[in-house]
Amino acid sequence: MSERIDVAFGFDGRYAPHAANVMASIIRHAPGARLRFLVLQCEVTPEQKQRIEEAAAGPEYVWIDVGDDDLPAYA
């Protein structure tokens, strides 16, 4: 499989361990796929990012910082 597959996530530091499990599962169930994980994140520490990339190794990771100002207002 040569076409890249983009997979988007959005989470904060509290969900990071669970996201790592989801990412590892995707990798395990898509052998040979060229994956890129686009991660909209808030308050994920550099250490958490490193642990995620080690636990779910292989894909390209794009970490995108988001904050309250980046989200639409909810009524």
N, C-alpha and C. Protein backbone atom coordinates (compact mmCIF):
# COMPACT_ATOMS: atom_id res chain seq x y z
N MET A 1 0.86 -1.17 0.00
CA MET A 1 0.00 0.00 0.00
C MET A 1 0.90 1.23 0.00
N SER A 2 0.81 2.04 -1.03
CA SER A 2 1.71 3.19 -1.12
C SER A 2 1.04 4.51 -0.79
N GLU A 3 -0.27 4.57 -0.83
CA GLU A 3 -0.97 5.80 -0.54
C GLU A 3 -0.98 6.06 0.97
N ARG A 4 -0.68 7.30 1.35
CA ARG A 4 -0.67 7.64 2.77
C ARG A 4 -2.10 7.74 3.29
N ILE A 5 -2.29 7.28 4.51
CA ILE A 5 -3.57 7.38 5.19
C ILE A 5 -3.41 8.34 6.36
N ASP A 6 -4.17 9.43 6.33
CA ASP A 6 -4.16 10.39 7.44
C ASP A 6 -5.24 9.99 8.44
N VAL A 7 -4.87 9.98 9.71
CA VAL A 7 -5.81 9.69 10.79
C VAL A 7 -5.72 10.85 11.78
N ALA A 8 -6.85 11.48 12.06
CA ALA A 8 -6.87 12.65 12.95
C ALA A 8 -7.38 12.27 14.34
N PHE A 9 -6.75 12.87 15.32
CA PHE A 9 -7.13 12.70 16.72
C PHE A 9 -7.23 14.07 17.36
N GLY A 10 -7.99 14.14 18.43
CA GLY A 10 -8.04 15.34 19.25
C GLY A 10 -8.15 14.92 20.71
N PHE A 11 -7.18 15.31 21.54
CA PHE A 11 -7.24 14.93 22.94
C PHE A 11 -6.33 15.82 23.78
N ASP A 12 -6.52 15.72 25.10
CA ASP A 12 -5.66 16.44 26.03
C ASP A 12 -4.77 15.43 26.76
N GLY A 13 -3.95 15.94 27.65
CA GLY A 13 -3.00 15.09 28.35
C GLY A 13 -3.63 13.96 29.14
N ARG A 14 -4.83 14.17 29.62
CA ARG A 14 -5.49 13.12 30.41
C ARG A 14 -5.85 11.90 29.57
N TYR A 15 -6.08 12.09 28.28
CA TYR A 15 -6.48 10.99 27.40
C TYR A 15 -5.28 10.37 26.68
N ALA A 16 -4.10 10.93 26.84
CA ALA A 16 -2.91 10.49 26.09
C ALA A 16 -2.66 8.98 26.18
N PRO A 17 -2.72 8.35 27.36
CA PRO A 17 -2.46 6.90 27.40
C PRO A 17 -3.48 6.10 26.59
N HIS A 18 -4.71 6.53 26.60
CA HIS A 18 -5.76 5.84 25.84
C HIS A 18 -5.56 6.03 24.34
N ALA A 19 -5.16 7.24 23.95
CA ALA A 19 -4.89 7.52 22.54
C ALA A 19 -3.74 6.65 22.04
N ALA A 20 -2.73 6.45 22.87
CA ALA A 20 -1.60 5.60 22.48
C ALA A 20 -2.09 4.18 22.18
N ASN A 21 -3.02 3.68 22.98
CA ASN A 21 -3.57 2.34 22.74
C ASN A 21 -4.33 2.29 21.42
N VAL A 22 -5.12 3.31 21.15
CA VAL A 22 -5.87 3.37 19.89
C VAL A 22 -4.90 3.41 18.71
N MET A 23 -3.88 4.25 18.81
CA MET A 23 -2.90 4.37 17.73
C MET A 23 -2.18 3.05 17.50
N ALA A 24 -1.74 2.39 18.57
CA ALA A 24 -1.05 1.10 18.45
C ALA A 24 -1.97 0.06 17.80
N SER A 25 -3.24 0.09 18.13
CA SER A 25 -4.20 -0.84 17.54
C SER A 25 -4.36 -0.60 16.04
N ILE A 26 -4.43 0.66 15.65
CA ILE A 26 -4.54 1.00 14.23
C ILE A 26 -3.31 0.46 13.49
N ILE A 27 -2.14 0.68 14.04
CA ILE A 27 -0.91 0.21 13.40
C ILE A 27 -0.92 -1.31 13.28
N ARG A 28 -1.31 -1.97 14.35
CA ARG A 28 -1.33 -3.44 14.38
C ARG A 28 -2.29 -4.02 13.35
N HIS A 29 -3.41 -3.32 13.12
CA HIS A 29 -4.44 -3.83 12.21
C HIS A 29 -4.32 -3.29 10.79
N ALA A 30 -3.28 -2.54 10.51
CA ALA A 30 -3.05 -2.00 9.16
C ALA A 30 -1.58 -2.21 8.77
N PRO A 31 -1.13 -3.47 8.76
CA PRO A 31 0.28 -3.72 8.45
C PRO A 31 0.63 -3.22 7.05
N GLY A 32 1.75 -2.55 6.96
CA GLY A 32 2.23 -2.05 5.68
C GLY A 32 1.63 -0.73 5.25
N ALA A 33 0.67 -0.21 5.99
CA ALA A 33 0.04 1.07 5.62
C ALA A 33 0.98 2.22 5.94
N ARG A 34 0.99 3.23 5.09
CA ARG A 34 1.73 4.47 5.35
C ARG A 34 0.80 5.39 6.13
N LEU A 35 0.95 5.45 7.41
CA LEU A 35 0.06 6.22 8.27
C LEU A 35 0.69 7.55 8.67
N ARG A 36 -0.16 8.54 8.80
CA ARG A 36 0.25 9.82 9.40
C ARG A 36 -0.84 10.18 10.40
N PHE A 37 -0.43 10.38 11.66
CA PHE A 37 -1.35 10.76 12.72
C PHE A 37 -1.29 12.27 12.91
N LEU A 38 -2.40 12.93 12.68
CA LEU A 38 -2.55 14.36 12.89
C LEU A 38 -3.22 14.53 14.25
N VAL A 39 -2.51 15.12 15.20
CA VAL A 39 -2.98 15.17 16.57
C VAL A 39 -3.24 16.61 17.00
N LEU A 40 -4.51 16.95 17.13
CA LEU A 40 -4.91 18.23 17.71
C LEU A 40 -4.85 18.03 19.22
N GLN A 41 -3.95 18.72 19.88
CA GLN A 41 -3.71 18.42 21.29
C GLN A 41 -3.65 19.67 22.14
N CYS A 42 -3.97 19.45 23.41
CA CYS A 42 -3.92 20.50 24.42
C CYS A 42 -3.34 19.88 25.69
N GLU A 43 -2.31 20.47 26.22
CA GLU A 43 -1.71 20.04 27.48
C GLU A 43 -1.16 18.62 27.44
N VAL A 44 -0.64 18.19 26.30
CA VAL A 44 0.09 16.92 26.22
C VAL A 44 1.56 17.28 26.38
N THR A 45 2.18 16.71 27.37
CA THR A 45 3.58 17.06 27.67
C THR A 45 4.52 16.44 26.64
N PRO A 46 5.73 17.00 26.52
CA PRO A 46 6.72 16.38 25.63
C PRO A 46 7.00 14.92 25.99
N GLU A 47 6.99 14.60 27.28
CA GLU A 47 7.21 13.22 27.71
C GLU A 47 6.07 12.32 27.25
N GLN A 48 4.83 12.80 27.32
CA GLN A 48 3.69 12.01 26.85
C GLN A 48 3.77 11.79 25.34
N LYS A 49 4.15 12.83 24.61
CA LYS A 49 4.30 12.69 23.16
C LYS A 49 5.34 11.63 22.84
N GLN A 50 6.47 11.67 23.54
CA GLN A 50 7.52 10.69 23.30
C GLN A 50 7.03 9.28 23.61
N ARG A 51 6.32 9.09 24.72
CA ARG A 51 5.81 7.77 25.08
C ARG A 51 4.81 7.26 24.04
N ILE A 52 3.96 8.16 23.54
CA ILE A 52 3.00 7.76 22.50
C ILE A 52 3.74 7.31 21.25
N GLU A 53 4.72 8.10 20.82
CA GLU A 53 5.45 7.77 19.60
C GLU A 53 6.27 6.49 19.75
N GLU A 54 6.68 6.16 20.96
CA GLU A 54 7.39 4.90 21.20
C GLU A 54 6.42 3.72 21.26
N ALA A 55 5.28 3.92 21.91
CA ALA A 55 4.29 2.85 22.04
C ALA A 55 3.61 2.54 20.72
N ALA A 56 3.47 3.54 19.88
CA ALA A 56 2.82 3.39 18.58
C ALA A 56 3.80 3.85 17.50
N ALA A 57 4.90 3.12 17.38
CA ALA A 57 5.98 3.52 16.48
C ALA A 57 5.66 3.20 15.03
N GLY A 58 6.21 4.05 14.16
CA GLY A 58 6.10 3.81 12.73
C GLY A 58 5.52 4.95 11.94
N PRO A 59 4.33 5.44 12.30
CA PRO A 59 3.73 6.51 11.52
C PRO A 59 4.46 7.84 11.71
N GLU A 60 4.15 8.74 10.80
CA GLU A 60 4.57 10.13 10.97
C GLU A 60 3.59 10.77 11.95
N TYR A 61 4.08 11.62 12.84
CA TYR A 61 3.24 12.33 13.79
C TYR A 61 3.31 13.83 13.50
N VAL A 62 2.15 14.47 13.49
CA VAL A 62 2.06 15.92 13.37
C VAL A 62 1.29 16.39 14.60
N TRP A 63 1.98 17.06 15.49
CA TRP A 63 1.37 17.55 16.74
C TRP A 63 0.93 19.00 16.51
N ILE A 64 -0.35 19.27 16.71
CA ILE A 64 -0.91 20.60 16.47
C ILE A 64 -1.50 21.11 17.79
N ASP A 65 -0.93 22.19 18.30
CA ASP A 65 -1.43 22.77 19.55
C ASP A 65 -2.75 23.50 19.30
N VAL A 66 -3.73 23.24 20.16
CA VAL A 66 -5.00 23.97 20.09
C VAL A 66 -5.35 24.45 21.49
N GLY A 67 -6.11 25.51 21.53
CA GLY A 67 -6.56 26.06 22.80
C GLY A 67 -8.01 26.51 22.68
N ASP A 68 -8.50 27.10 23.73
CA ASP A 68 -9.89 27.54 23.74
C ASP A 68 -10.21 28.52 22.61
N ASP A 69 -9.25 29.36 22.26
CA ASP A 69 -9.48 30.34 21.19
C ASP A 69 -9.63 29.71 19.82
N ASP A 70 -9.17 28.46 19.67
CA ASP A 70 -9.24 27.75 18.40
C ASP A 70 -10.56 27.01 18.21
N LEU A 71 -11.34 26.92 19.26
CA LEU A 71 -12.58 26.15 19.20
C LEU A 71 -13.79 27.06 19.06
N PRO A 72 -14.82 26.58 18.36
CA PRO A 72 -16.03 27.41 18.24
C PRO A 72 -16.75 27.51 19.58
N ALA A 73 -17.46 28.59 19.75
CA ALA A 73 -18.25 28.78 20.98
C ALA A 73 -19.47 27.87 20.93
N TYR A 74 -19.81 27.30 22.06
CA TYR A 74 -20.99 26.47 22.14
C TYR A 74 -22.07 27.23 22.91
N ALA A 75 -23.27 27.20 22.39
CA ALA A 75 -24.38 27.92 23.02
C ALA A 75 -25.08 27.07 24.05
